[in-house]
């Protein structure tokens, strides 16, 4: 991936695993590569007001041999993302209902100062 792109993001977890992604979700084969003709590529000018430690982003692991120029990879990942996004409203409604039930059983109401309903 183009680490000099404005939209590149990286995070290293305590386990040592590193997440690399495009903030605009335009790199279907992340973390190995961005599209060669990405129209949204912008050079990262400066990281204003960020503190940088002595650690660097670990090298990207070798790409699997299955990564290639096959456009079906991106379409498969898009379909998987659509399935997950379709499930989110239902899951959110279930969680909200469970939390409301817990609050009802506990007999607790929101504080008077709470601005978002009762």
C-alpha atoms as a PDB file:
ATOM      1  CA  UNK A   1       0.000   0.000   0.000  1.00  0.00           C
ATOM      2  CA  UNK A   2       1.058   3.563  -0.513  1.00  0.00           C
ATOM      3  CA  UNK A   3       2.073   4.655   2.956  1.00  0.00           C
ATOM      4  CA  UNK A   4       2.667   8.170   1.661  1.00  0.00           C
ATOM      5  CA  UNK A   5      -1.028   8.559   0.759  1.00  0.00           C
ATOM      6  CA  UNK A   6      -3.147  10.943   2.801  1.00  0.00           C
ATOM      7  CA  UNK A   7      -5.806   8.234   3.198  1.00  0.00           C
ATOM      8  CA  UNK A   8      -3.501   5.424   4.394  1.00  0.00           C
ATOM      9  CA  UNK A   9      -4.110   4.382   8.005  1.00  0.00           C
ATOM     10  CA  UNK A  10      -2.160   1.953  10.144  1.00  0.00           C
ATOM     11  CA  UNK A  11      -2.571   0.697  13.692  1.00  0.00           C
ATOM     12  CA  UNK A  12      -0.490  -1.809  15.612  1.00  0.00           C
ATOM     13  CA  UNK A  13      -2.243  -3.751  18.377  1.00  0.00           C
ATOM     14  CA  UNK A  14      -0.633  -5.000  21.616  1.00  0.00           C
ATOM     15  CA  UNK A  15      -0.523  -8.514  20.139  1.00  0.00           C
ATOM     16  CA  UNK A  16       1.794  -7.221  17.419  1.00  0.00           C
ATOM     17  CA  UNK A  17      -0.800  -7.498  14.657  1.00  0.00           C
ATOM     18  CA  UNK A  18      -0.943  -4.477  12.388  1.00  0.00           C
ATOM     19  CA  UNK A  19      -4.001  -3.188  10.548  1.00  0.00           C
ATOM     20  CA  UNK A  20      -3.371  -1.281   7.318  1.00  0.00           C
ATOM     21  CA  UNK A  21      -6.195   0.198   5.303  1.00  0.00           C
ATOM     22  CA  UNK A  22      -7.424   2.944   3.050  1.00  0.00           C
ATOM     23  CA  UNK A  23      -9.634   5.335   5.023  1.00  0.00           C
ATOM     24  CA  UNK A  24     -11.815   5.731   1.920  1.00  0.00           C
ATOM     25  CA  UNK A  25     -12.205   1.947   1.482  1.00  0.00           C
ATOM     26  CA  UNK A  26     -10.775   2.151  -2.034  1.00  0.00           C
ATOM     27  CA  UNK A  27      -8.124  -0.569  -1.688  1.00  0.00           C
ATOM     28  CA  UNK A  28      -9.901  -3.929  -2.037  1.00  0.00           C
ATOM     29  CA  UNK A  29      -6.611  -5.806  -1.796  1.00  0.00           C
ATOM     30  CA  UNK A  30      -5.410  -4.072   1.384  1.00  0.00           C
ATOM     31  CA  UNK A  31      -2.931  -4.362   3.020  1.00  0.00           C
ATOM     32  CA  UNK A  32      -0.916  -5.534   0.010  1.00  0.00           C
ATOM     33  CA  UNK A  33      -1.670  -2.893  -2.571  1.00  0.00           C
ATOM     34  CA  UNK A  34      -3.773   0.033  -3.664  1.00  0.00           C
ATOM     35  CA  UNK A  35      -5.315   0.260  -7.120  1.00  0.00           C
ATOM     36  CA  UNK A  36      -2.650   1.406  -9.590  1.00  0.00           C
ATOM     37  CA  UNK A  37      -4.902   4.117 -10.991  1.00  0.00           C
ATOM     38  CA  UNK A  38      -6.521   5.306  -7.749  1.00  0.00           C
ATOM     39  CA  UNK A  39      -8.089   8.682  -8.480  1.00  0.00           C
ATOM     40  CA  UNK A  40      -8.143   9.677  -4.814  1.00  0.00           C
ATOM     41  CA  UNK A  41      -4.403   9.273  -4.146  1.00  0.00           C
ATOM     42  CA  UNK A  42      -3.055  12.374  -2.407  1.00  0.00           C
ATOM     43  CA  UNK A  43       0.437  12.747  -1.032  1.00  0.00           C
ATOM     44  CA  UNK A  44       0.492  13.057   2.751  1.00  0.00           C
ATOM     45  CA  UNK A  45       1.802  16.566   3.273  1.00  0.00           C
ATOM     46  CA  UNK A  46       2.331  16.641   7.024  1.00  0.00           C
ATOM     47  CA  UNK A  47       1.082  15.037  10.187  1.00  0.00           C
ATOM     48  CA  UNK A  48       0.118  18.198  12.021  1.00  0.00           C
ATOM     49  CA  UNK A  49       0.148  18.034  15.817  1.00  0.00           C
ATOM     50  CA  UNK A  50       0.889  14.301  15.953  1.00  0.00           C
ATOM     51  CA  UNK A  51       3.526  12.799  18.176  1.00  0.00           C
ATOM     52  CA  UNK A  52       5.630  10.133  16.544  1.00  0.00           C
ATOM     53  CA  UNK A  53       7.360   7.558  18.673  1.00  0.00           C
ATOM     54  CA  UNK A  54      10.458   5.616  17.826  1.00  0.00           C
ATOM     55  CA  UNK A  55       8.469   2.645  16.509  1.00  0.00           C
ATOM     56  CA  UNK A  56       7.840   2.217  12.823  1.00  0.00           C
ATOM     57  CA  UNK A  57       5.097   0.327  11.035  1.00  0.00           C
ATOM     58  CA  UNK A  58       6.164  -3.312  10.722  1.00  0.00           C
ATOM     59  CA  UNK A  59       6.745  -4.452   7.153  1.00  0.00           C
ATOM     60  CA  UNK A  60       3.689  -5.665   5.286  1.00  0.00           C
ATOM     61  CA  UNK A  61       3.566  -9.463   5.118  1.00  0.00           C
ATOM     62  CA  UNK A  62       4.095 -11.074   1.728  1.00  0.00           C
ATOM     63  CA  UNK A  63       0.965 -11.087  -0.397  1.00  0.00           C
ATOM     64  CA  UNK A  64      -0.695 -14.459  -0.869  1.00  0.00           C
ATOM     65  CA  UNK A  65      -0.231 -16.000  -4.288  1.00  0.00           C
ATOM     66  CA  UNK A  66      -4.001 -15.729  -4.815  1.00  0.00           C
ATOM     67  CA  UNK A  67      -3.743 -11.931  -5.022  1.00  0.00           C
ATOM     68  CA  UNK A  68      -3.692 -10.903  -8.631  1.00  0.00           C
ATOM     69  CA  UNK A  69      -5.440  -8.765 -11.172  1.00  0.00           C
ATOM     70  CA  UNK A  70      -8.691 -10.731 -10.907  1.00  0.00           C
ATOM     71  CA  UNK A  71     -11.560  -8.221 -10.483  1.00  0.00           C
ATOM     72  CA  UNK A  72     -13.678 -10.906  -8.808  1.00  0.00           C
ATOM     73  CA  UNK A  73     -11.644 -10.401  -5.595  1.00  0.00           C
ATOM     74  CA  UNK A  74     -12.950  -6.861  -5.159  1.00  0.00           C
ATOM     75  CA  UNK A  75     -16.509  -7.870  -6.044  1.00  0.00           C
ATOM     76  CA  UNK A  76     -16.421 -10.747  -3.540  1.00  0.00           C
ATOM     77  CA  UNK A  77     -15.211  -8.417  -0.784  1.00  0.00           C
ATOM     78  CA  UNK A  78     -17.882  -5.859  -1.721  1.00  0.00           C
ATOM     79  CA  UNK A  79     -20.578  -8.537  -1.480  1.00  0.00           C
ATOM     80  CA  UNK A  80     -19.307  -9.603   1.953  1.00  0.00           C
ATOM     81  CA  UNK A  81     -19.325  -5.977   3.101  1.00  0.00           C
ATOM     82  CA  UNK A  82     -22.897  -5.544   1.821  1.00  0.00           C
ATOM     83  CA  UNK A  83     -24.029  -8.593   3.828  1.00  0.00           C
ATOM     84  CA  UNK A  84     -22.493  -7.208   7.007  1.00  0.00           C
ATOM     85  CA  UNK A  85     -23.887  -3.722   6.420  1.00  0.00           C
ATOM     86  CA  UNK A  86     -27.363  -5.173   5.837  1.00  0.00           C
ATOM     87  CA  UNK A  87     -27.248  -6.954   9.214  1.00  0.00           C
ATOM     88  CA  UNK A  88     -26.165  -3.890  11.224  1.00  0.00           C
ATOM     89  CA  UNK A  89     -29.617  -2.239  11.672  1.00  0.00           C
ATOM     90  CA  UNK A  90     -31.175  -5.492  12.925  1.00  0.00           C
ATOM     91  CA  UNK A  91     -28.334  -6.171  15.348  1.00  0.00           C
ATOM     92  CA  UNK A  92     -28.420  -2.575  16.583  1.00  0.00           C
ATOM     93  CA  UNK A  93     -32.190  -2.828  17.177  1.00  0.00           C
ATOM     94  CA  UNK A  94     -31.688  -6.055  19.156  1.00  0.00           C
ATOM     95  CA  UNK A  95     -28.984  -4.484  21.323  1.00  0.00           C
ATOM     96  CA  UNK A  96     -31.104  -1.371  21.938  1.00  0.00           C
ATOM     97  CA  UNK A  97     -34.094  -3.556  22.912  1.00  0.00           C
ATOM     98  CA  UNK A  98     -31.946  -5.598  25.314  1.00  0.00           C
ATOM     99  CA  UNK A  99     -30.550  -2.466  26.928  1.00  0.00           C
ATOM    100  CA  UNK A 100     -34.018  -0.958  27.260  1.00  0.00           C
ATOM    101  CA  UNK A 101     -35.236  -4.160  28.913  1.00  0.00           C
ATOM    102  CA  UNK A 102     -32.306  -4.145  31.325  1.00  0.00           C
ATOM    103  CA  UNK A 103     -33.045  -0.524  32.246  1.00  0.00           C
ATOM    104  CA  UNK A 104     -36.753  -1.310  32.648  1.00  0.00           C
ATOM    105  CA  UNK A 105     -36.051  -4.268  34.946  1.00  0.00           C
ATOM    106  CA  UNK A 106     -33.648  -2.187  36.991  1.00  0.00           C
ATOM    107  CA  UNK A 107     -36.271   0.551  37.292  1.00  0.00           C
ATOM    108  CA  UNK A 108     -33.742   3.141  36.313  1.00  0.00           C
ATOM    109  CA  UNK A 109     -34.598   6.134  34.269  1.00  0.00           C
ATOM    110  CA  UNK A 110     -32.160   8.434  32.625  1.00  0.00           C
ATOM    111  CA  UNK A 111     -31.041  11.460  34.625  1.00  0.00           C
ATOM    112  CA  UNK A 112     -33.166  14.602  34.305  1.00  0.00           C
ATOM    113  CA  UNK A 113     -30.335  16.356  32.507  1.00  0.00           C
ATOM    114  CA  UNK A 114     -30.179  13.660  29.762  1.00  0.00           C
ATOM    115  CA  UNK A 115     -31.031  15.493  26.513  1.00  0.00           C
ATOM    116  CA  UNK A 116     -32.068  12.487  24.405  1.00  0.00           C
ATOM    117  CA  UNK A 117     -35.510  11.462  25.614  1.00  0.00           C
ATOM    118  CA  UNK A 118     -36.417   9.432  28.636  1.00  0.00           C
END
